Amino acid sequence: MNEIDLVREALGRPRPTEQETAAALAHVQRDIAGGAAPRRPRGLAAGRKRLWAGGFGLTAVAAAAAVAVPVLGASPETGPHRSTAPPPAARTVLLAAARSAERHDDTMRGYWHDTSTSRLYYRLHAPTGDYTVVWARRFEGWTPSSPTGRDCGRRQDLGTRPAGPADQAAWRRAGSPATFAIPMDRKGFAPMTLKLAAGSPTTACRALPPDGAIFSLGGNVTMKDLRALPADPNRLKRLLLERFGRSGRDTEPLTRNKTGDSWMFSVARDIILTMPVTPRVRAAAFRMIADLPTVRTIGSVRDAEGRQGTAVAIDEHTSDGDLEHRLIIDQASGTALAYEQLVLKPAGGNAGRAPGSPINSVVNLASGWTDTAPR
C-alpha cells in the first residue's frame, strides 16, 4: 500500500509530484508533535479534500487524518452514543436530507470557507493500567472561487486527552502525564510524542496550481469541475464511475472495489461533507447514497462535538478487519455533521481493538461561501 497515496486520500487531494511529496512529507515529519513522522494509515478519515491546505503541503491536520492508530483495545466509553429508539430507514433519512439540502442558497462569493476538526484514538500502555487518548486537530480553509486567487489554511493542534472517564482515571493513576509517547509500529515508522497542551494556530497561503486542481473526487478536479457536476443522481453516479471509478490506480481500502457500494459511499460522502458543489448536486449525492442497497441506518447519535444527528453507514471488509463508515446527518438542514470510522471486527492493523471502537472522525463545524479573506 503506497504511503504517499494514502496520505493523499486522507486529504482527498490531487496526486503531488515526487518533489512535492518528498518536501511535504519532510515538513510533516518536522511538524508533528515530537518531531516524528506519521505511520501508515489503517483507516482514513474524510477531511479536507484538497491537495494543499493553505500552503502547508501535507498539513498536520491531514497527517492526523492519515496516521496509523496502534491500539491494544479501546474503552467502550469512547464509542458513539446510540439511541434506543427504532431508527428510520436509511432511504427515508437520506431523501429527507436531500430535500432540505436543495433549498440552500448558492450565491458564490470570493472563498469557499470551511472549518473542521479531526480526531484519532490511541491505546497506551502504562504499568498502572492501559488507557485510550484522543488526539484532536482543527483546520480552517479558504478556497478561492477564482483560479487566480490564493488558497489559504489555518491549522491548530488541539492537544491530546483521555478519551473517556475510565481513561481519565487510568491516566491519573499513571501520574497524569503531559506527553504521550506513541511507539514505533510494526512497519518501522518512527515514534512520535503527542502533547496534552494545545498548540498555537498557524495560517499560510499559496497560489493555486497551474491546472487549478485543488480538490480530489476519486481523481483531480478543479472548482469549475465541481460546480459543473450533474444534479441528477443517476447522471452523477454514471459520471463518477466513468471518470474515476475504473482508473485502477488507487489501492486504498475504500477504493479497491472501484464500482462497489463502499467506493460510491465514500465519494458521495466527500461531496456532501464540505465540498463547494451546488445545493442540487449535494442533494443528488444524498439520493445517490439512498439508492445503495447496502446502506443501513444507525439511528440517532451524537458526533464528537456533542451535536445530535442521524447516522447512516456502510460496512466494508478489508485486510484490517470489518469497518463501519458512518455519516452523521442533520436531516432538517440537509447538512452532514461528521464522518466517523469504526472497527466492527478487528484484524490486521486493527488487531487488538475492541469491536465498535472508533478509529477516527472528522467533524464539519461550518462550510459556506464568504467574501471575508483569512487574516
Protein backbone atom coordinates (compact mmCIF):
# COMPACT_ATOMS: atom_id res chain seq x y z
CA MET A 1 0.00 0.00 0.00
CA ASN A 2 1.58 3.28 -1.09
CA GLU A 3 2.26 5.66 1.81
CA ILE A 4 2.03 8.77 -0.35
CA ASP A 5 -1.28 7.80 -1.94
CA LEU A 6 -2.72 7.02 1.49
CA VAL A 7 -1.86 10.49 2.76
CA ARG A 8 -3.26 11.95 -0.47
CA GLU A 9 -6.54 10.07 0.04
CA ALA A 10 -6.83 11.34 3.61
CA LEU A 11 -6.56 14.83 2.21
CA GLY A 12 -8.56 13.98 -0.87
CA ARG A 13 -6.01 15.91 -2.87
CA PRO A 14 -4.69 15.54 -6.41
CA ARG A 15 -1.57 13.44 -6.70
CA PRO A 16 1.55 15.54 -5.99
CA THR A 17 4.78 15.31 -7.93
CA GLU A 18 7.64 13.29 -6.43
CA GLN A 19 9.40 16.53 -5.50
CA GLU A 20 6.29 17.95 -3.82
CA THR A 21 5.72 14.71 -1.96
CA ALA A 22 9.26 14.49 -0.60
CA ALA A 23 9.17 18.09 0.58
CA ALA A 24 5.69 17.76 2.07
CA LEU A 25 6.45 14.58 3.99
CA ALA A 26 9.64 16.12 5.34
CA HIS A 27 7.55 19.08 6.50
CA VAL A 28 5.10 16.77 8.26
CA GLN A 29 7.94 14.96 9.98
CA ARG A 30 9.16 18.23 11.44
CA ASP A 31 5.69 19.48 12.30
CA ILE A 32 4.05 16.62 14.17
CA ALA A 33 4.29 16.85 17.93
CA GLY A 34 7.59 15.45 19.00
CA GLY A 35 9.02 15.86 15.50
CA ALA A 36 8.34 12.34 14.26
CA ALA A 37 6.83 11.08 11.04
CA PRO A 38 3.30 9.69 10.83
CA ARG A 39 2.92 5.97 10.42
CA ARG A 40 0.99 4.00 7.81
CA PRO A 41 -2.75 4.71 7.77
CA ARG A 42 -5.00 1.87 8.83
CA GLY A 43 -8.22 3.73 8.31
CA LEU A 44 -8.77 7.08 6.67
CA ALA A 45 -10.94 9.87 7.88
CA ALA A 46 -12.66 12.13 5.43
CA GLY A 47 -11.12 15.52 5.81
CA ARG A 48 -10.50 18.49 3.60
CA LYS A 49 -10.44 17.13 0.09
CA ARG A 50 -7.64 19.33 -1.23
CA LEU A 51 -4.06 18.85 -2.41
CA TRP A 52 -2.70 21.66 -0.28
CA ALA A 53 -4.06 23.24 2.85
CA GLY A 54 -3.10 26.86 2.79
CA GLY A 55 0.44 26.30 1.60
CA PHE A 56 1.36 23.79 4.31
CA GLY A 57 1.91 20.90 1.91
CA LEU A 58 0.57 17.83 3.70
CA THR A 59 -0.72 19.61 6.76
CA ALA A 60 -0.53 18.33 10.29
CA VAL A 61 -4.32 18.03 10.32
CA ALA A 62 -4.22 15.93 7.18
CA ALA A 63 -1.40 13.87 8.60
CA ALA A 64 -3.52 13.32 11.68
CA ALA A 65 -6.31 12.04 9.47
CA ALA A 66 -3.90 9.62 7.80
CA VAL A 67 -1.73 8.47 10.70
CA ALA A 68 -1.99 4.90 11.98
CA VAL A 69 -3.69 4.19 15.28
CA PRO A 70 -1.88 1.33 17.04
CA VAL A 71 -4.01 0.14 19.95
CA LEU A 72 -4.37 -2.86 22.22
CA GLY A 73 -8.06 -2.38 22.80
CA ALA A 74 -10.37 0.57 23.32
CA SER A 75 -12.58 1.77 26.12
CA PRO A 76 -16.30 1.22 25.48
CA GLU A 77 -16.83 4.81 26.61
CA THR A 78 -15.00 6.16 23.57
CA GLY A 79 -17.63 4.84 21.16
CA PRO A 80 -20.52 6.94 19.77
CA HIS A 81 -23.70 7.11 21.83
CA ARG A 82 -26.67 5.38 20.22
CA SER A 83 -30.36 5.97 20.77
CA THR A 84 -32.57 3.03 21.79
CA ALA A 85 -35.45 4.29 19.61
CA PRO A 86 -36.06 2.31 16.38
CA PRO A 87 -34.20 4.15 13.60
CA PRO A 88 -35.96 5.22 10.40
CA ALA A 89 -34.96 3.55 7.16
CA ALA A 90 -31.73 4.84 5.63
CA ARG A 91 -33.55 5.83 2.44
CA THR A 92 -36.06 7.90 4.43
CA VAL A 93 -33.26 9.73 6.26
CA LEU A 94 -31.26 10.43 3.13
CA LEU A 95 -34.18 11.60 0.99
CA ALA A 96 -35.30 13.98 3.76
CA ALA A 97 -31.76 15.40 3.90
CA ALA A 98 -31.75 15.77 0.11
CA ARG A 99 -34.97 17.80 0.14
CA SER A 100 -33.51 20.12 2.78
CA ALA A 101 -30.13 20.42 1.04
CA GLU A 102 -31.50 21.58 -2.30
CA ARG A 103 -33.22 24.57 -0.62
CA HIS A 104 -29.90 26.13 0.43
CA ASP A 105 -28.70 29.43 -1.03
CA ASP A 106 -25.89 29.12 -3.55
CA THR A 107 -24.55 32.60 -4.13
CA MET A 108 -20.87 32.17 -4.94
CA ARG A 109 -18.51 34.58 -3.23
CA GLY A 110 -14.79 35.10 -3.03
CA TYR A 111 -13.98 31.99 -0.99
CA TRP A 112 -15.40 28.64 -0.03
CA HIS A 113 -14.75 28.64 3.72
CA ASP A 114 -14.87 25.51 5.85
CA THR A 115 -13.85 24.57 9.36
CA SER A 116 -13.41 21.03 10.68
CA THR A 117 -11.85 19.03 13.48
CA SER A 118 -10.24 15.62 13.14
CA ARG A 119 -9.69 13.09 15.92
CA LEU A 120 -7.57 9.97 16.27
CA TYR A 121 -7.72 7.37 19.02
CA TYR A 122 -4.65 5.70 20.57
CA ARG A 123 -4.42 2.99 23.19
CA LEU A 124 -1.43 3.50 25.51
CA HIS A 125 0.40 1.13 27.84
CA ALA A 126 1.00 2.05 31.49
CA PRO A 127 2.16 -0.09 34.46
CA THR A 128 -0.92 1.09 36.36
CA GLY A 129 -3.33 0.23 33.55
CA ASP A 130 -3.81 0.93 29.85
CA TYR A 131 -5.98 3.77 28.62
CA THR A 132 -7.14 5.47 25.42
CA VAL A 133 -6.30 9.02 24.39
CA VAL A 134 -7.76 11.08 21.57
CA TRP A 135 -5.65 13.50 19.53
CA ALA A 136 -7.61 16.42 18.04
CA ARG A 137 -6.72 18.86 15.27
CA ARG A 138 -8.62 21.83 13.86
CA PHE A 139 -8.44 23.03 10.27
CA GLU A 140 -9.93 26.12 8.66
CA GLY A 141 -9.63 26.69 4.93
CA TRP A 142 -10.40 29.33 2.32
CA THR A 143 -10.59 28.06 -1.28
CA PRO A 144 -10.83 30.88 -3.84
CA SER A 145 -13.66 30.82 -6.36
CA SER A 146 -11.30 32.45 -8.87
CA PRO A 147 -8.47 30.36 -10.38
CA THR A 148 -6.17 33.35 -9.83
CA GLY A 149 -6.90 33.52 -6.10
CA ARG A 150 -4.87 32.20 -3.19
CA ASP A 151 -5.69 29.04 -1.25
CA CYS A 152 -5.31 29.61 2.50
CA GLY A 153 -5.42 27.35 5.52
CA ARG A 154 -5.21 27.67 9.27
CA ARG A 155 -4.39 24.71 11.48
CA GLN A 156 -4.09 24.08 15.19
CA ASP A 157 -3.16 21.11 17.33
CA LEU A 158 -5.92 20.99 19.96
CA GLY A 159 -3.97 18.64 22.17
CA THR A 160 -4.37 15.06 23.34
CA ARG A 161 -6.55 13.97 26.24
CA PRO A 162 -8.00 10.84 27.84
CA ALA A 163 -10.92 9.66 25.73
CA GLY A 164 -13.44 8.89 28.49
CA PRO A 165 -13.96 8.86 32.28
CA ALA A 166 -12.37 5.44 32.75
CA ASP A 167 -9.43 6.52 30.60
CA GLN A 168 -9.07 9.69 32.63
CA ALA A 169 -8.97 7.68 35.86
CA ALA A 170 -6.31 5.38 34.40
CA TRP A 171 -4.36 8.39 33.14
CA ARG A 172 -4.38 9.86 36.65
CA ARG A 173 -3.17 6.56 38.09
CA ALA A 174 -0.34 6.74 35.58
CA GLY A 175 0.71 10.10 37.05
CA SER A 176 -1.28 12.45 34.74
CA PRO A 177 1.46 12.69 32.13
CA ALA A 178 1.51 15.81 29.94
CA THR A 179 3.00 13.96 26.96
CA PHE A 180 2.13 10.66 25.32
CA ALA A 181 4.77 8.54 23.62
CA ILE A 182 3.48 6.64 20.60
CA PRO A 183 5.99 3.82 19.94
CA MET A 184 7.36 2.66 16.63
CA ASP A 185 4.84 0.45 14.91
CA ARG A 186 5.39 -2.96 13.34
CA LYS A 187 6.09 -1.38 9.94
CA GLY A 188 9.04 0.52 11.38
CA PHE A 189 7.58 4.02 11.21
CA ALA A 190 9.15 6.43 13.66
CA PRO A 191 7.71 7.04 17.12
CA MET A 192 6.16 10.37 17.98
CA THR A 193 5.16 12.30 21.07
CA LEU A 194 1.72 13.87 21.49
CA LYS A 195 1.08 16.63 23.98
CA LEU A 196 -1.72 17.33 26.42
CA ALA A 197 -1.44 21.07 25.75
CA ALA A 198 -2.88 22.67 22.63
CA GLY A 199 -0.63 24.45 20.16
CA SER A 200 -0.98 27.88 18.60
CA PRO A 201 -2.85 28.30 15.30
CA THR A 202 -0.78 28.87 12.17
CA THR A 203 -2.02 30.36 8.88
CA ALA A 204 -0.41 30.24 5.42
CA CYS A 205 -1.49 30.79 1.81
CA ARG A 206 -0.32 29.82 -1.64
CA ALA A 207 -1.33 30.33 -5.27
CA LEU A 208 -3.43 27.62 -6.89
CA PRO A 209 -1.53 25.13 -9.08
CA PRO A 210 -1.37 25.92 -12.81
CA ASP A 211 -4.03 23.33 -13.71
CA GLY A 212 -6.37 24.62 -10.98
CA ALA A 213 -6.79 21.12 -9.48
CA ILE A 214 -7.34 21.75 -5.81
CA PHE A 215 -9.86 19.03 -4.89
CA SER A 216 -9.99 15.28 -5.37
CA LEU A 217 -13.13 13.30 -6.10
CA GLY A 218 -11.64 9.94 -6.93
CA GLY A 219 -9.43 11.97 -9.27
CA ASN A 220 -8.17 15.53 -9.58
CA VAL A 221 -10.83 18.21 -10.05
CA THR A 222 -10.99 21.99 -10.16
CA MET A 223 -13.55 24.33 -8.66
CA LYS A 224 -15.10 24.60 -12.15
CA ASP A 225 -15.36 20.80 -12.36
CA LEU A 226 -17.18 20.62 -9.04
CA ARG A 227 -19.62 23.37 -9.97
CA ALA A 228 -20.46 21.56 -13.21
CA LEU A 229 -21.38 18.20 -11.65
CA PRO A 230 -24.85 16.97 -12.69
CA ALA A 231 -27.73 17.37 -10.24
CA ASP A 232 -29.43 14.12 -11.28
CA PRO A 233 -28.30 11.21 -9.04
CA ASN A 234 -28.17 8.70 -11.90
CA ARG A 235 -26.14 11.01 -14.13
CA LEU A 236 -23.88 11.91 -11.20
CA LYS A 237 -23.22 8.26 -10.44
CA ARG A 238 -22.55 7.47 -14.09
CA LEU A 239 -20.11 10.38 -14.43
CA LEU A 240 -18.21 9.42 -11.27
CA LEU A 241 -17.89 5.81 -12.39
CA GLU A 242 -16.87 6.70 -15.93
CA ARG A 243 -14.36 9.37 -14.93
CA PHE A 244 -12.89 7.96 -11.72
CA GLY A 245 -14.29 4.53 -10.99
CA ARG A 246 -12.13 2.48 -13.33
CA SER A 247 -8.77 4.21 -13.13
CA GLY A 248 -7.34 1.19 -11.31
CA ARG A 249 -4.50 3.24 -9.82
CA ASP A 250 -5.75 3.70 -6.27
CA THR A 251 -5.10 0.93 -3.78
CA GLU A 252 -6.60 2.35 -0.59
CA PRO A 253 -9.14 0.13 1.24
CA LEU A 254 -12.06 2.38 0.33
CA THR A 255 -11.29 2.33 -3.37
CA ARG A 256 -10.15 -1.20 -4.15
CA ASN A 257 -13.62 -2.04 -5.43
CA LYS A 258 -13.93 0.90 -7.79
CA THR A 259 -17.56 0.20 -8.65
CA GLY A 260 -18.76 -1.11 -5.29
CA ASP A 261 -21.09 0.46 -2.75
CA SER A 262 -18.31 1.40 -0.32
CA TRP A 263 -16.45 3.34 -3.00
CA MET A 264 -19.59 5.16 -4.11
CA PHE A 265 -20.47 5.92 -0.48
CA SER A 266 -17.02 7.42 0.09
CA VAL A 267 -17.20 9.66 -2.99
CA ALA A 268 -20.74 10.84 -2.21
CA ARG A 269 -19.72 11.44 1.40
CA ASP A 270 -16.93 13.77 0.23
CA ILE A 271 -19.34 15.73 -1.95
CA ILE A 272 -21.79 16.08 0.93
CA LEU A 273 -19.42 16.85 3.77
CA THR A 274 -17.62 20.05 2.79
CA MET A 275 -17.21 20.40 -0.98
CA PRO A 276 -18.35 23.62 -2.74
CA VAL A 277 -20.86 21.92 -5.03
CA THR A 278 -24.27 23.39 -5.82
CA PRO A 279 -27.12 22.60 -3.40
CA ARG A 280 -28.81 20.47 -6.05
CA VAL A 281 -25.65 18.39 -6.53
CA ARG A 282 -25.35 17.89 -2.78
CA ALA A 283 -28.97 16.72 -2.80
CA ALA A 284 -28.15 14.37 -5.69
CA ALA A 285 -25.29 12.88 -3.65
CA PHE A 286 -27.70 12.18 -0.78
CA ARG A 287 -30.07 10.49 -3.24
CA MET A 288 -27.21 8.52 -4.76
CA ILE A 289 -26.38 7.07 -1.32
CA ALA A 290 -30.08 6.38 -0.72
CA ASP A 291 -30.06 4.10 -3.77
CA LEU A 292 -27.19 1.95 -2.48
CA PRO A 293 -28.68 -1.36 -1.29
CA THR A 294 -26.11 -1.95 1.47
CA VAL A 295 -26.53 1.37 3.28
CA ARG A 296 -28.18 0.99 6.68
CA THR A 297 -29.37 3.30 9.43
CA ILE A 298 -27.65 3.54 12.80
CA GLY A 299 -30.20 5.96 14.26
CA SER A 300 -29.81 8.99 16.49
CA VAL A 301 -26.20 9.61 17.62
CA ARG A 302 -24.02 12.48 18.79
CA ASP A 303 -20.91 13.48 16.89
CA ALA A 304 -17.56 14.17 18.53
CA GLU A 305 -18.65 17.75 19.25
CA GLY A 306 -21.81 16.55 21.01
CA ARG A 307 -24.24 17.56 18.25
CA GLN A 308 -27.14 15.20 17.63
CA GLY A 309 -27.89 13.81 14.21
CA THR A 310 -28.98 10.67 12.40
CA ALA A 311 -26.28 8.29 11.23
CA VAL A 312 -26.28 6.12 8.13
CA ALA A 313 -23.48 3.68 7.50
CA ILE A 314 -21.95 1.20 5.14
CA ASP A 315 -19.72 -1.73 6.11
CA GLU A 316 -16.56 -2.80 4.35
CA HIS A 317 -14.40 -5.89 4.65
CA THR A 318 -10.67 -5.09 4.49
CA SER A 319 -7.39 -6.73 5.47
CA ASP A 320 -7.57 -4.62 8.63
CA GLY A 321 -10.93 -6.06 9.59
CA ASP A 322 -14.58 -5.21 9.02
CA LEU A 323 -15.01 -1.44 9.13
CA GLU A 324 -18.05 0.80 9.50
CA HIS A 325 -18.07 4.07 7.59
CA ARG A 326 -20.61 6.36 9.19
CA LEU A 327 -22.09 9.66 8.01
CA ILE A 328 -23.95 11.71 10.63
CA ILE A 329 -26.64 13.92 9.11
CA ASP A 330 -28.82 16.78 10.23
CA GLN A 331 -31.93 15.95 8.21
CA ALA A 332 -33.62 19.29 8.90
CA SER A 333 -30.80 21.38 7.42
CA GLY A 334 -29.62 18.86 4.84
CA THR A 335 -26.03 19.05 6.06
CA ALA A 336 -23.53 16.39 7.10
CA LEU A 337 -22.30 16.92 10.63
CA ALA A 338 -19.48 14.38 10.65
CA TYR A 339 -17.84 11.29 9.22
CA GLU A 340 -16.68 8.54 11.57
CA GLN A 341 -14.87 5.26 11.07
CA LEU A 342 -15.22 2.36 13.49
CA VAL A 343 -13.86 -1.17 13.50
CA LEU A 344 -16.55 -3.86 13.83
CA LYS A 345 -14.38 -6.96 13.54
CA PRO A 346 -10.71 -6.19 14.19
CA ALA A 347 -7.93 -7.79 12.12
CA GLY A 348 -4.55 -6.88 10.65
CA GLY A 349 -3.54 -3.37 11.64
CA ASN A 350 -6.63 -3.07 13.81
CA ALA A 351 -6.00 -6.33 15.71
CA GLY A 352 -6.41 -5.75 19.44
CA ARG A 353 -9.09 -3.11 19.12
CA ALA A 354 -12.39 -3.72 20.84
CA PRO A 355 -15.28 -4.26 18.38
CA GLY A 356 -17.13 -0.99 17.90
CA SER A 357 -14.08 1.14 18.72
CA PRO A 358 -13.73 4.47 16.92
CA ILE A 359 -10.69 4.78 14.69
CA ASN A 360 -11.02 8.39 13.62
CA SER A 361 -13.54 11.11 12.88
CA VAL A 362 -13.87 14.40 11.02
CA VAL A 363 -16.48 16.90 12.17
CA ASN A 364 -17.77 19.60 9.80
CA LEU A 365 -18.11 22.66 12.03
CA ALA A 366 -19.04 25.14 9.28
CA SER A 367 -18.89 25.45 5.50
CA GLY A 368 -20.16 28.02 3.01
CA TRP A 369 -19.32 30.96 0.78
CA THR A 370 -17.77 34.16 2.14
CA ASP A 371 -16.09 37.34 0.90
CA THR A 372 -14.02 37.58 4.08
CA ALA A 373 -10.41 36.69 3.40
CA PRO A 374 -8.28 35.00 6.07
CA ARG A 375 -6.38 37.25 8.44
